[in-house]
mmCIF file of all heavy atoms, coordinates in Angstrom:
data_MODEL
# 
_entry.id   MODEL 
# 
loop_
_atom_site.group_PDB 
_atom_site.id 
_atom_site.type_symbol 
_atom_site.label_atom_id 
_atom_site.label_alt_id 
_atom_site.label_comp_id 
_atom_site.label_asym_id 
_atom_site.label_entity_id 
_atom_site.label_seq_id 
_atom_site.pdbx_PDB_ins_code 
_atom_site.Cartn_x 
_atom_site.Cartn_y 
_atom_site.Cartn_z 
_atom_site.occupancy 
_atom_site.B_iso_or_equiv 
_atom_site.pdbx_formal_charge 
_atom_site.auth_seq_id 
_atom_site.auth_comp_id 
_atom_site.auth_asym_id 
_atom_site.auth_atom_id 
_atom_site.pdbx_PDB_model_num 
ATOM 1   N N   . PHE A 1 1  ? 10.721 9.163   -11.000 1.00 0.00 ? 1  PHE A N   1 
ATOM 2   C CA  . PHE A 1 1  ? 10.263 8.767   -9.597  1.00 0.00 ? 1  PHE A CA  1 
ATOM 3   C C   . PHE A 1 1  ? 9.281  9.776   -9.225  1.00 0.00 ? 1  PHE A C   1 
ATOM 4   O O   . PHE A 1 1  ? 9.347  10.986  -9.439  1.00 0.00 ? 1  PHE A O   1 
ATOM 5   C CB  . PHE A 1 1  ? 11.534 9.020   -8.646  1.00 0.00 ? 1  PHE A CB  1 
ATOM 6   C CG  . PHE A 1 1  ? 12.497 7.932   -8.702  1.00 0.00 ? 1  PHE A CG  1 
ATOM 7   C CD1 . PHE A 1 1  ? 13.508 8.022   -9.710  1.00 0.00 ? 1  PHE A CD1 1 
ATOM 8   C CD2 . PHE A 1 1  ? 12.460 6.801   -7.874  1.00 0.00 ? 1  PHE A CD2 1 
ATOM 9   C CE1 . PHE A 1 1  ? 14.505 6.999   -9.712  1.00 0.00 ? 1  PHE A CE1 1 
ATOM 10  C CE2 . PHE A 1 1  ? 13.484 5.905   -7.981  1.00 0.00 ? 1  PHE A CE2 1 
ATOM 11  C CZ  . PHE A 1 1  ? 14.507 5.969   -8.948  1.00 0.00 ? 1  PHE A CZ  1 
ATOM 12  N N   . ARG A 1 2  ? 8.239  9.309   -8.469  1.00 0.00 ? 2  ARG A N   1 
ATOM 13  C CA  . ARG A 1 2  ? 7.143  10.123  -7.854  1.00 0.00 ? 2  ARG A CA  1 
ATOM 14  C C   . ARG A 1 2  ? 7.077  9.717   -6.407  1.00 0.00 ? 2  ARG A C   1 
ATOM 15  O O   . ARG A 1 2  ? 6.849  8.663   -5.907  1.00 0.00 ? 2  ARG A O   1 
ATOM 16  C CB  . ARG A 1 2  ? 5.729  9.594   -8.520  1.00 0.00 ? 2  ARG A CB  1 
ATOM 17  C CG  . ARG A 1 2  ? 4.612  10.476  -8.038  1.00 0.00 ? 2  ARG A CG  1 
ATOM 18  C CD  . ARG A 1 2  ? 4.732  11.959  -8.409  1.00 0.00 ? 2  ARG A CD  1 
ATOM 19  N NE  . ARG A 1 2  ? 4.911  12.243  -9.888  1.00 0.00 ? 2  ARG A NE  1 
ATOM 20  C CZ  . ARG A 1 2  ? 4.966  13.355  -10.351 1.00 0.00 ? 2  ARG A CZ  1 
ATOM 21  N NH1 . ARG A 1 2  ? 4.723  14.414  -9.660  1.00 0.00 ? 2  ARG A NH1 1 
ATOM 22  N NH2 . ARG A 1 2  ? 4.981  13.511  -11.727 1.00 0.00 ? 2  ARG A NH2 1 
ATOM 23  N N   . PHE A 1 3  ? 7.365  10.752  -5.547  1.00 0.00 ? 3  PHE A N   1 
ATOM 24  C CA  . PHE A 1 3  ? 7.491  10.634  -4.124  1.00 0.00 ? 3  PHE A CA  1 
ATOM 25  C C   . PHE A 1 3  ? 6.318  11.373  -3.475  1.00 0.00 ? 3  PHE A C   1 
ATOM 26  O O   . PHE A 1 3  ? 6.202  12.590  -3.584  1.00 0.00 ? 3  PHE A O   1 
ATOM 27  C CB  . PHE A 1 3  ? 8.946  11.153  -3.635  1.00 0.00 ? 3  PHE A CB  1 
ATOM 28  C CG  . PHE A 1 3  ? 9.022  11.063  -2.129  1.00 0.00 ? 3  PHE A CG  1 
ATOM 29  C CD1 . PHE A 1 3  ? 8.764  10.046  -1.366  1.00 0.00 ? 3  PHE A CD1 1 
ATOM 30  C CD2 . PHE A 1 3  ? 9.590  12.176  -1.577  1.00 0.00 ? 3  PHE A CD2 1 
ATOM 31  C CE1 . PHE A 1 3  ? 8.870  10.043  -0.033  1.00 0.00 ? 3  PHE A CE1 1 
ATOM 32  C CE2 . PHE A 1 3  ? 9.757  12.300  -0.145  1.00 0.00 ? 3  PHE A CE2 1 
ATOM 33  C CZ  . PHE A 1 3  ? 9.418  11.159  0.602   1.00 0.00 ? 3  PHE A CZ  1 
ATOM 34  N N   . ASP A 1 4  ? 5.504  10.682  -2.592  1.00 0.00 ? 4  ASP A N   1 
ATOM 35  C CA  . ASP A 1 4  ? 4.493  11.274  -1.883  1.00 0.00 ? 4  ASP A CA  1 
ATOM 36  C C   . ASP A 1 4  ? 4.723  11.046  -0.370  1.00 0.00 ? 4  ASP A C   1 
ATOM 37  O O   . ASP A 1 4  ? 4.540  9.814   0.028   1.00 0.00 ? 4  ASP A O   1 
ATOM 38  C CB  . ASP A 1 4  ? 3.166  10.676  -2.353  1.00 0.00 ? 4  ASP A CB  1 
ATOM 39  C CG  . ASP A 1 4  ? 1.980  11.415  -1.730  1.00 0.00 ? 4  ASP A CG  1 
ATOM 40  O OD1 . ASP A 1 4  ? 2.069  11.943  -0.635  1.00 0.00 ? 4  ASP A OD1 1 
ATOM 41  O OD2 . ASP A 1 4  ? 0.936  11.510  -2.376  1.00 0.00 ? 4  ASP A OD2 1 
ATOM 42  N N   . ARG A 1 5  ? 5.184  12.046  0.324   1.00 0.00 ? 5  ARG A N   1 
ATOM 43  C CA  . ARG A 1 5  ? 5.583  11.863  1.740   1.00 0.00 ? 5  ARG A CA  1 
ATOM 44  C C   . ARG A 1 5  ? 4.298  11.647  2.544   1.00 0.00 ? 5  ARG A C   1 
ATOM 45  O O   . ARG A 1 5  ? 4.318  10.767  3.477   1.00 0.00 ? 5  ARG A O   1 
ATOM 46  C CB  . ARG A 1 5  ? 6.244  13.139  2.245   1.00 0.00 ? 5  ARG A CB  1 
ATOM 47  C CG  . ARG A 1 5  ? 6.444  13.233  3.709   1.00 0.00 ? 5  ARG A CG  1 
ATOM 48  C CD  . ARG A 1 5  ? 7.374  12.203  4.227   1.00 0.00 ? 5  ARG A CD  1 
ATOM 49  N NE  . ARG A 1 5  ? 7.719  12.267  5.688   1.00 0.00 ? 5  ARG A NE  1 
ATOM 50  C CZ  . ARG A 1 5  ? 6.905  11.684  6.586   1.00 0.00 ? 5  ARG A CZ  1 
ATOM 51  N NH1 . ARG A 1 5  ? 5.770  11.110  6.164   1.00 0.00 ? 5  ARG A NH1 1 
ATOM 52  N NH2 . ARG A 1 5  ? 7.234  11.922  7.834   1.00 0.00 ? 5  ARG A NH2 1 
ATOM 53  N N   . GLU A 1 6  ? 3.147  12.252  2.205   1.00 0.00 ? 6  GLU A N   1 
ATOM 54  C CA  . GLU A 1 6  ? 2.056  11.975  2.960   1.00 0.00 ? 6  GLU A CA  1 
ATOM 55  C C   . GLU A 1 6  ? 1.509  10.610  2.927   1.00 0.00 ? 6  GLU A C   1 
ATOM 56  O O   . GLU A 1 6  ? 1.055  9.906   4.004   1.00 0.00 ? 6  GLU A O   1 
ATOM 57  C CB  . GLU A 1 6  ? 0.926  13.053  2.609   1.00 0.00 ? 6  GLU A CB  1 
ATOM 58  C CG  . GLU A 1 6  ? 1.201  14.500  2.785   1.00 0.00 ? 6  GLU A CG  1 
ATOM 59  C CD  . GLU A 1 6  ? 1.618  14.817  4.249   1.00 0.00 ? 6  GLU A CD  1 
ATOM 60  O OE1 . GLU A 1 6  ? 0.853  14.203  5.105   1.00 0.00 ? 6  GLU A OE1 1 
ATOM 61  O OE2 . GLU A 1 6  ? 2.547  15.490  4.413   1.00 0.00 ? 6  GLU A OE2 1 
ATOM 62  N N   . LYS A 1 7  ? 1.464  9.961   1.668   1.00 0.00 ? 7  LYS A N   1 
ATOM 63  C CA  . LYS A 1 7  ? 1.113  8.744   1.551   1.00 0.00 ? 7  LYS A CA  1 
ATOM 64  C C   . LYS A 1 7  ? 2.019  7.589   1.825   1.00 0.00 ? 7  LYS A C   1 
ATOM 65  O O   . LYS A 1 7  ? 1.911  6.387   1.835   1.00 0.00 ? 7  LYS A O   1 
ATOM 66  C CB  . LYS A 1 7  ? 0.491  8.460   0.069   1.00 0.00 ? 7  LYS A CB  1 
ATOM 67  C CG  . LYS A 1 7  ? -0.629 9.217   -0.217  1.00 0.00 ? 7  LYS A CG  1 
ATOM 68  C CD  . LYS A 1 7  ? -1.080 8.799   -1.770  1.00 0.00 ? 7  LYS A CD  1 
ATOM 69  C CE  . LYS A 1 7  ? -2.370 9.484   -2.119  1.00 0.00 ? 7  LYS A CE  1 
ATOM 70  N NZ  . LYS A 1 7  ? -2.699 9.169   -3.617  1.00 0.00 ? 7  LYS A NZ  1 
ATOM 71  N N   . ARG A 1 8  ? 3.317  8.068   2.121   1.00 0.00 ? 8  ARG A N   1 
ATOM 72  C CA  . ARG A 1 8  ? 4.565  7.059   2.266   1.00 0.00 ? 8  ARG A CA  1 
ATOM 73  C C   . ARG A 1 8  ? 4.650  6.265   1.200   1.00 0.00 ? 8  ARG A C   1 
ATOM 74  O O   . ARG A 1 8  ? 4.790  5.112   1.274   1.00 0.00 ? 8  ARG A O   1 
ATOM 75  C CB  . ARG A 1 8  ? 4.286  6.366   3.603   1.00 0.00 ? 8  ARG A CB  1 
ATOM 76  C CG  . ARG A 1 8  ? 4.416  7.207   4.931   1.00 0.00 ? 8  ARG A CG  1 
ATOM 77  C CD  . ARG A 1 8  ? 4.085  6.414   6.121   1.00 0.00 ? 8  ARG A CD  1 
ATOM 78  N NE  . ARG A 1 8  ? 4.776  5.128   6.206   1.00 0.00 ? 8  ARG A NE  1 
ATOM 79  C CZ  . ARG A 1 8  ? 4.560  4.170   7.072   1.00 0.00 ? 8  ARG A CZ  1 
ATOM 80  N NH1 . ARG A 1 8  ? 3.544  4.383   7.922   1.00 0.00 ? 8  ARG A NH1 1 
ATOM 81  N NH2 . ARG A 1 8  ? 5.273  3.094   7.052   1.00 0.00 ? 8  ARG A NH2 1 
ATOM 82  N N   . GLU A 1 9  ? 4.729  6.885   -0.057  1.00 0.00 ? 9  GLU A N   1 
ATOM 83  C CA  . GLU A 1 9  ? 4.654  6.092   -1.255  1.00 0.00 ? 9  GLU A CA  1 
ATOM 84  C C   . GLU A 1 9  ? 5.628  6.625   -2.272  1.00 0.00 ? 9  GLU A C   1 
ATOM 85  O O   . GLU A 1 9  ? 5.858  7.759   -2.432  1.00 0.00 ? 9  GLU A O   1 
ATOM 86  C CB  . GLU A 1 9  ? 3.342  6.194   -1.950  1.00 0.00 ? 9  GLU A CB  1 
ATOM 87  C CG  . GLU A 1 9  ? 3.042  5.242   -3.028  1.00 0.00 ? 9  GLU A CG  1 
ATOM 88  C CD  . GLU A 1 9  ? 1.544  5.305   -3.547  1.00 0.00 ? 9  GLU A CD  1 
ATOM 89  O OE1 . GLU A 1 9  ? 0.765  4.599   -2.853  1.00 0.00 ? 9  GLU A OE1 1 
ATOM 90  O OE2 . GLU A 1 9  ? 1.249  5.905   -4.524  1.00 0.00 ? 9  GLU A OE2 1 
ATOM 91  N N   . LEU A 1 10 ? 6.328  5.654   -2.910  1.00 0.00 ? 10 LEU A N   1 
ATOM 92  C CA  . LEU A 1 10 ? 7.281  5.972   -3.868  1.00 0.00 ? 10 LEU A CA  1 
ATOM 93  C C   . LEU A 1 10 ? 7.039  5.101   -5.140  1.00 0.00 ? 10 LEU A C   1 
ATOM 94  O O   . LEU A 1 10 ? 6.857  3.939   -4.997  1.00 0.00 ? 10 LEU A O   1 
ATOM 95  C CB  . LEU A 1 10 ? 8.766  5.776   -3.461  1.00 0.00 ? 10 LEU A CB  1 
ATOM 96  C CG  . LEU A 1 10 ? 9.981  5.960   -4.460  1.00 0.00 ? 10 LEU A CG  1 
ATOM 97  C CD1 . LEU A 1 10 ? 9.998  7.545   -4.696  1.00 0.00 ? 10 LEU A CD1 1 
ATOM 98  C CD2 . LEU A 1 10 ? 11.246 5.423   -3.920  1.00 0.00 ? 10 LEU A CD2 1 
ATOM 99  N N   . SER A 1 11 ? 6.863  5.735   -6.252  1.00 0.00 ? 11 SER A N   1 
ATOM 100 C CA  . SER A 1 11 ? 6.766  4.807   -7.453  1.00 0.00 ? 11 SER A CA  1 
ATOM 101 C C   . SER A 1 11 ? 7.758  5.290   -8.487  1.00 0.00 ? 11 SER A C   1 
ATOM 102 O O   . SER A 1 11 ? 8.230  6.366   -8.580  1.00 0.00 ? 11 SER A O   1 
ATOM 103 C CB  . SER A 1 11 ? 5.397  5.160   -8.043  1.00 0.00 ? 11 SER A CB  1 
ATOM 104 O OG  . SER A 1 11 ? 5.153  6.452   -8.596  1.00 0.00 ? 11 SER A OG  1 
ATOM 105 N N   . VAL A 1 12 ? 8.124  4.387   -9.349  1.00 0.00 ? 12 VAL A N   1 
ATOM 106 C CA  . VAL A 1 12 ? 9.251  4.594   -10.502 1.00 0.00 ? 12 VAL A CA  1 
ATOM 107 C C   . VAL A 1 12 ? 8.687  3.998   -11.686 1.00 0.00 ? 12 VAL A C   1 
ATOM 108 O O   . VAL A 1 12 ? 8.271  3.041   -11.753 1.00 0.00 ? 12 VAL A O   1 
ATOM 109 C CB  . VAL A 1 12 ? 10.607 4.033   -9.931  1.00 0.00 ? 12 VAL A CB  1 
ATOM 110 C CG1 . VAL A 1 12 ? 10.487 2.546   -9.604  1.00 0.00 ? 12 VAL A CG1 1 
ATOM 111 C CG2 . VAL A 1 12 ? 11.577 4.355   -11.121 1.00 0.00 ? 12 VAL A CG2 1 
ATOM 112 N N   . THR A 1 13 ? 8.733  4.928   -12.793 1.00 0.00 ? 13 THR A N   1 
ATOM 113 C CA  . THR A 1 13 ? 8.234  4.477   -14.052 1.00 0.00 ? 13 THR A CA  1 
ATOM 114 C C   . THR A 1 13 ? 9.421  4.548   -15.055 1.00 0.00 ? 13 THR A C   1 
ATOM 115 O O   . THR A 1 13 ? 10.177 5.534   -15.192 1.00 0.00 ? 13 THR A O   1 
ATOM 116 C CB  . THR A 1 13 ? 7.096  5.291   -14.497 1.00 0.00 ? 13 THR A CB  1 
ATOM 117 O OG1 . THR A 1 13 ? 6.106  5.197   -13.464 1.00 0.00 ? 13 THR A OG1 1 
ATOM 118 C CG2 . THR A 1 13 ? 6.434  4.819   -15.868 1.00 0.00 ? 13 THR A CG2 1 
ATOM 119 N N   . ASP A 1 14 ? 9.360  3.542   -16.087 1.00 0.00 ? 14 ASP A N   1 
ATOM 120 C CA  . ASP A 1 14 ? 10.373 3.624   -17.027 1.00 0.00 ? 14 ASP A CA  1 
ATOM 121 C C   . ASP A 1 14 ? 9.808  3.328   -18.364 1.00 0.00 ? 14 ASP A C   1 
ATOM 122 O O   . ASP A 1 14 ? 8.708  2.659   -18.351 1.00 0.00 ? 14 ASP A O   1 
ATOM 123 C CB  . ASP A 1 14 ? 11.743 2.876   -16.838 1.00 0.00 ? 14 ASP A CB  1 
ATOM 124 C CG  . ASP A 1 14 ? 11.483 1.403   -16.753 1.00 0.00 ? 14 ASP A CG  1 
ATOM 125 O OD1 . ASP A 1 14 ? 11.095 0.856   -17.941 1.00 0.00 ? 14 ASP A OD1 1 
ATOM 126 O OD2 . ASP A 1 14 ? 11.500 0.720   -15.781 1.00 0.00 ? 14 ASP A OD2 1 
ATOM 127 N N   . ASP A 1 15 ? 10.429 3.611   -19.479 1.00 0.00 ? 15 ASP A N   1 
ATOM 128 C CA  . ASP A 1 15 ? 9.809  3.149   -20.881 1.00 0.00 ? 15 ASP A CA  1 
ATOM 129 C C   . ASP A 1 15 ? 10.616 2.139   -21.487 1.00 0.00 ? 15 ASP A C   1 
ATOM 130 O O   . ASP A 1 15 ? 10.785 2.081   -22.637 1.00 0.00 ? 15 ASP A O   1 
ATOM 131 C CB  . ASP A 1 15 ? 9.663  4.440   -21.689 1.00 0.00 ? 15 ASP A CB  1 
ATOM 132 C CG  . ASP A 1 15 ? 11.080 5.038   -21.951 1.00 0.00 ? 15 ASP A CG  1 
ATOM 133 O OD1 . ASP A 1 15 ? 12.067 4.622   -21.198 1.00 0.00 ? 15 ASP A OD1 1 
ATOM 134 O OD2 . ASP A 1 15 ? 11.231 5.997   -22.707 1.00 0.00 ? 15 ASP A OD2 1 
ATOM 135 N N   . GLY A 1 16 ? 11.197 1.170   -20.604 1.00 0.00 ? 16 GLY A N   1 
ATOM 136 C CA  . GLY A 1 16 ? 12.080 0.036   -21.203 1.00 0.00 ? 16 GLY A CA  1 
ATOM 137 C C   . GLY A 1 16 ? 11.169 -0.983  -21.747 1.00 0.00 ? 16 GLY A C   1 
ATOM 138 O O   . GLY A 1 16 ? 9.960  -0.749  -21.924 1.00 0.00 ? 16 GLY A O   1 
ATOM 139 N N   . HIS A 1 17 ? 11.835 -2.213  -21.861 1.00 0.00 ? 17 HIS A N   1 
ATOM 140 C CA  . HIS A 1 17 ? 11.038 -3.183  -22.535 1.00 0.00 ? 17 HIS A CA  1 
ATOM 141 C C   . HIS A 1 17 ? 10.062 -4.070  -21.550 1.00 0.00 ? 17 HIS A C   1 
ATOM 142 O O   . HIS A 1 17 ? 9.351  -4.943  -21.974 1.00 0.00 ? 17 HIS A O   1 
ATOM 143 C CB  . HIS A 1 17 ? 12.099 -4.276  -23.157 1.00 0.00 ? 17 HIS A CB  1 
ATOM 144 C CG  . HIS A 1 17 ? 13.074 -4.808  -22.194 1.00 0.00 ? 17 HIS A CG  1 
ATOM 145 N ND1 . HIS A 1 17 ? 12.723 -5.599  -21.121 1.00 0.00 ? 17 HIS A ND1 1 
ATOM 146 C CD2 . HIS A 1 17 ? 14.415 -4.819  -22.211 1.00 0.00 ? 17 HIS A CD2 1 
ATOM 147 C CE1 . HIS A 1 17 ? 13.876 -5.950  -20.360 1.00 0.00 ? 17 HIS A CE1 1 
ATOM 148 N NE2 . HIS A 1 17 ? 14.752 -5.461  -21.102 1.00 0.00 ? 17 HIS A NE2 1 
ATOM 149 N N   . GLY A 1 18 ? 10.150 -3.702  -20.269 1.00 0.00 ? 18 GLY A N   1 
ATOM 150 C CA  . GLY A 1 18 ? 9.048  -4.218  -19.388 1.00 0.00 ? 18 GLY A CA  1 
ATOM 151 C C   . GLY A 1 18 ? 9.614  -5.597  -18.970 1.00 0.00 ? 18 GLY A C   1 
ATOM 152 O O   . GLY A 1 18 ? 10.667 -6.052  -19.060 1.00 0.00 ? 18 GLY A O   1 
ATOM 153 N N   . ILE A 1 19 ? 8.718  -6.136  -18.000 1.00 0.00 ? 19 ILE A N   1 
ATOM 154 C CA  . ILE A 1 19 ? 9.001  -7.460  -17.287 1.00 0.00 ? 19 ILE A CA  1 
ATOM 155 C C   . ILE A 1 19 ? 8.303  -8.604  -18.151 1.00 0.00 ? 19 ILE A C   1 
ATOM 156 O O   . ILE A 1 19 ? 7.120  -8.693  -18.206 1.00 0.00 ? 19 ILE A O   1 
ATOM 157 C CB  . ILE A 1 19 ? 8.479  -7.442  -15.833 1.00 0.00 ? 19 ILE A CB  1 
ATOM 158 C CG1 . ILE A 1 19 ? 8.909  -6.258  -15.076 1.00 0.00 ? 19 ILE A CG1 1 
ATOM 159 C CG2 . ILE A 1 19 ? 8.734  -8.724  -15.163 1.00 0.00 ? 19 ILE A CG2 1 
ATOM 160 C CD1 . ILE A 1 19 ? 8.361  -6.053  -13.681 1.00 0.00 ? 19 ILE A CD1 1 
ATOM 161 N N   . ALA A 1 20 ? 9.163  -9.430  -18.703 1.00 0.00 ? 20 ALA A N   1 
ATOM 162 C CA  . ALA A 1 20 ? 8.650  -10.538 -19.497 1.00 0.00 ? 20 ALA A CA  1 
ATOM 163 C C   . ALA A 1 20 ? 8.217  -11.698 -18.527 1.00 0.00 ? 20 ALA A C   1 
ATOM 164 O O   . ALA A 1 20 ? 7.291  -12.385 -18.772 1.00 0.00 ? 20 ALA A O   1 
ATOM 165 C CB  . ALA A 1 20 ? 9.682  -10.963 -20.561 1.00 0.00 ? 20 ALA A CB  1 
ATOM 166 N N   . ASP A 1 21 ? 9.036  -12.010 -17.475 1.00 0.00 ? 21 ASP A N   1 
ATOM 167 C CA  . ASP A 1 21 ? 8.741  -13.039 -16.656 1.00 0.00 ? 21 ASP A CA  1 
ATOM 168 C C   . ASP A 1 21 ? 8.880  -12.475 -15.286 1.00 0.00 ? 21 ASP A C   1 
ATOM 169 O O   . ASP A 1 21 ? 9.869  -12.250 -14.644 1.00 0.00 ? 21 ASP A O   1 
ATOM 170 C CB  . ASP A 1 21 ? 9.940  -14.140 -16.876 1.00 0.00 ? 21 ASP A CB  1 
ATOM 171 C CG  . ASP A 1 21 ? 9.661  -15.385 -16.028 1.00 0.00 ? 21 ASP A CG  1 
ATOM 172 O OD1 . ASP A 1 21 ? 8.679  -15.475 -15.267 1.00 0.00 ? 21 ASP A OD1 1 
ATOM 173 O OD2 . ASP A 1 21 ? 10.503 -16.245 -16.067 1.00 0.00 ? 21 ASP A OD2 1 
ATOM 174 N N   . PHE A 1 22 ? 7.727  -12.510 -14.572 1.00 0.00 ? 22 PHE A N   1 
ATOM 175 C CA  . PHE A 1 22 ? 7.465  -11.913 -13.290 1.00 0.00 ? 22 PHE A CA  1 
ATOM 176 C C   . PHE A 1 22 ? 8.239  -12.904 -12.231 1.00 0.00 ? 22 PHE A C   1 
ATOM 177 O O   . PHE A 1 22 ? 8.427  -12.389 -11.085 1.00 0.00 ? 22 PHE A O   1 
ATOM 178 C CB  . PHE A 1 22 ? 6.036  -11.735 -12.850 1.00 0.00 ? 22 PHE A CB  1 
ATOM 179 C CG  . PHE A 1 22 ? 5.482  -10.438 -13.503 1.00 0.00 ? 22 PHE A CG  1 
ATOM 180 C CD1 . PHE A 1 22 ? 5.068  -10.499 -14.824 1.00 0.00 ? 22 PHE A CD1 1 
ATOM 181 C CD2 . PHE A 1 22 ? 5.193  -9.356  -12.680 1.00 0.00 ? 22 PHE A CD2 1 
ATOM 182 C CE1 . PHE A 1 22 ? 4.607  -9.224  -15.355 1.00 0.00 ? 22 PHE A CE1 1 
ATOM 183 C CE2 . PHE A 1 22 ? 4.760  -8.188  -13.167 1.00 0.00 ? 22 PHE A CE2 1 
ATOM 184 C CZ  . PHE A 1 22 ? 4.412  -8.178  -14.500 1.00 0.00 ? 22 PHE A CZ  1 
ATOM 185 N N   . GLN A 1 23 ? 8.513  -14.080 -12.614 1.00 0.00 ? 23 GLN A N   1 
ATOM 186 C CA  . GLN A 1 23 ? 9.065  -14.936 -11.635 1.00 0.00 ? 23 GLN A CA  1 
ATOM 187 C C   . GLN A 1 23 ? 10.528 -14.640 -11.220 1.00 0.00 ? 23 GLN A C   1 
ATOM 188 O O   . GLN A 1 23 ? 10.982 -14.825 -10.132 1.00 0.00 ? 23 GLN A O   1 
ATOM 189 C CB  . GLN A 1 23 ? 9.168  -16.512 -12.296 1.00 0.00 ? 23 GLN A CB  1 
ATOM 190 C CG  . GLN A 1 23 ? 9.990  -17.538 -11.427 1.00 0.00 ? 23 GLN A CG  1 
ATOM 191 C CD  . GLN A 1 23 ? 9.392  -17.860 -10.131 1.00 0.00 ? 23 GLN A CD  1 
ATOM 192 O OE1 . GLN A 1 23 ? 8.255  -17.862 -9.945  1.00 0.00 ? 23 GLN A OE1 1 
ATOM 193 N NE2 . GLN A 1 23 ? 10.374 -17.793 -9.025  1.00 0.00 ? 23 GLN A NE2 1 
ATOM 194 N N   . THR A 1 24 ? 11.235 -13.863 -12.123 1.00 0.00 ? 24 THR A N   1 
ATOM 195 C CA  . THR A 1 24 ? 12.562 -13.417 -11.865 1.00 0.00 ? 24 THR A CA  1 
ATOM 196 C C   . THR A 1 24 ? 12.535 -12.379 -10.822 1.00 0.00 ? 24 THR A C   1 
ATOM 197 O O   . THR A 1 24 ? 13.507 -12.251 -10.196 1.00 0.00 ? 24 THR A O   1 
ATOM 198 C CB  . THR A 1 24 ? 13.192 -12.779 -13.148 1.00 0.00 ? 24 THR A CB  1 
ATOM 199 O OG1 . THR A 1 24 ? 12.258 -11.697 -13.571 1.00 0.00 ? 24 THR A OG1 1 
ATOM 200 C CG2 . THR A 1 24 ? 13.226 -13.803 -14.293 1.00 0.00 ? 24 THR A CG2 1 
ATOM 201 N N   . ILE A 1 25 ? 11.453 -11.742 -10.395 1.00 0.00 ? 25 ILE A N   1 
ATOM 202 C CA  . ILE A 1 25 ? 11.389 -10.763 -9.458  1.00 0.00 ? 25 ILE A CA  1 
ATOM 203 C C   . ILE A 1 25 ? 11.708 -11.498 -8.069  1.00 0.00 ? 25 ILE A C   1 
ATOM 204 O O   . ILE A 1 25 ? 12.322 -10.854 -7.171  1.00 0.00 ? 25 ILE A O   1 
ATOM 205 C CB  . ILE A 1 25 ? 10.029 -9.951  -9.403  1.00 0.00 ? 25 ILE A CB  1 
ATOM 206 C CG1 . ILE A 1 25 ? 9.824  -9.189  -10.649 1.00 0.00 ? 25 ILE A CG1 1 
ATOM 207 C CG2 . ILE A 1 25 ? 9.926  -9.169  -8.250  1.00 0.00 ? 25 ILE A CG2 1 
ATOM 208 C CD1 . ILE A 1 25 ? 8.497  -8.667  -10.830 1.00 0.00 ? 25 ILE A CD1 1 
ATOM 209 N N   . VAL A 1 26 ? 11.043 -12.569 -7.918  1.00 0.00 ? 26 VAL A N   1 
ATOM 210 C CA  . VAL A 1 26 ? 11.241 -13.318 -6.537  1.00 0.00 ? 26 VAL A CA  1 
ATOM 211 C C   . VAL A 1 26 ? 12.190 -14.482 -6.566  1.00 0.00 ? 26 VAL A C   1 
ATOM 212 O O   . VAL A 1 26 ? 12.136 -15.198 -5.671  1.00 0.00 ? 26 VAL A O   1 
ATOM 213 C CB  . VAL A 1 26 ? 9.765  -13.710 -6.039  1.00 0.00 ? 26 VAL A CB  1 
ATOM 214 C CG1 . VAL A 1 26 ? 8.867  -12.505 -5.838  1.00 0.00 ? 26 VAL A CG1 1 
ATOM 215 C CG2 . VAL A 1 26 ? 9.149  -14.570 -7.209  1.00 0.00 ? 26 VAL A CG2 1 
ATOM 216 N N   . HIS A 1 27 ? 12.927 -14.631 -7.630  1.00 0.00 ? 27 HIS A N   1 
ATOM 217 C CA  . HIS A 1 27 ? 14.004 -15.697 -7.721  1.00 0.00 ? 27 HIS A CA  1 
ATOM 218 C C   . HIS A 1 27 ? 15.338 -15.076 -7.365  1.00 0.00 ? 27 HIS A C   1 
ATOM 219 O O   . HIS A 1 27 ? 16.006 -14.385 -8.025  1.00 0.00 ? 27 HIS A O   1 
ATOM 220 C CB  . HIS A 1 27 ? 13.919 -16.147 -9.144  1.00 0.00 ? 27 HIS A CB  1 
ATOM 221 C CG  . HIS A 1 27 ? 14.620 -17.430 -9.246  1.00 0.00 ? 27 HIS A CG  1 
ATOM 222 N ND1 . HIS A 1 27 ? 14.536 -18.390 -10.406 1.00 0.00 ? 27 HIS A ND1 1 
ATOM 223 C CD2 . HIS A 1 27 ? 15.577 -18.160 -8.435  1.00 0.00 ? 27 HIS A CD2 1 
ATOM 224 C CE1 . HIS A 1 27 ? 15.235 -19.428 -10.333 1.00 0.00 ? 27 HIS A CE1 1 
ATOM 225 N NE2 . HIS A 1 27 ? 15.811 -19.240 -9.058  1.00 0.00 ? 27 HIS A NE2 1 
ATOM 226 N N   . LEU A 1 28 ? 15.739 -15.414 -6.134  1.00 0.00 ? 28 LEU A N   1 
ATOM 227 C CA  . LEU A 1 28 ? 17.070 -14.883 -5.747  1.00 0.00 ? 28 LEU A CA  1 
ATOM 228 C C   . LEU A 1 28 ? 18.136 -15.343 -6.443  1.00 0.00 ? 28 LEU A C   1 
ATOM 229 O O   . LEU A 1 28 ? 18.266 -16.567 -6.882  1.00 0.00 ? 28 LEU A O   1 
ATOM 230 C CB  . LEU A 1 28 ? 17.300 -15.426 -4.195  1.00 0.00 ? 28 LEU A CB  1 
ATOM 231 C CG  . LEU A 1 28 ? 18.445 -14.799 -3.431  1.00 0.00 ? 28 LEU A CG  1 
ATOM 232 C CD1 . LEU A 1 28 ? 18.274 -13.333 -3.251  1.00 0.00 ? 28 LEU A CD1 1 
ATOM 233 C CD2 . LEU A 1 28 ? 18.617 -15.414 -2.085  1.00 0.00 ? 28 LEU A CD2 1 
# 
């Protein structure tokens, strides 16, 4: 996790297999 209070920003990075299908992100 990378937290920047001044920019009001939070990022998270991992070394997993990644996102194969971006549709699943917005598929409830």
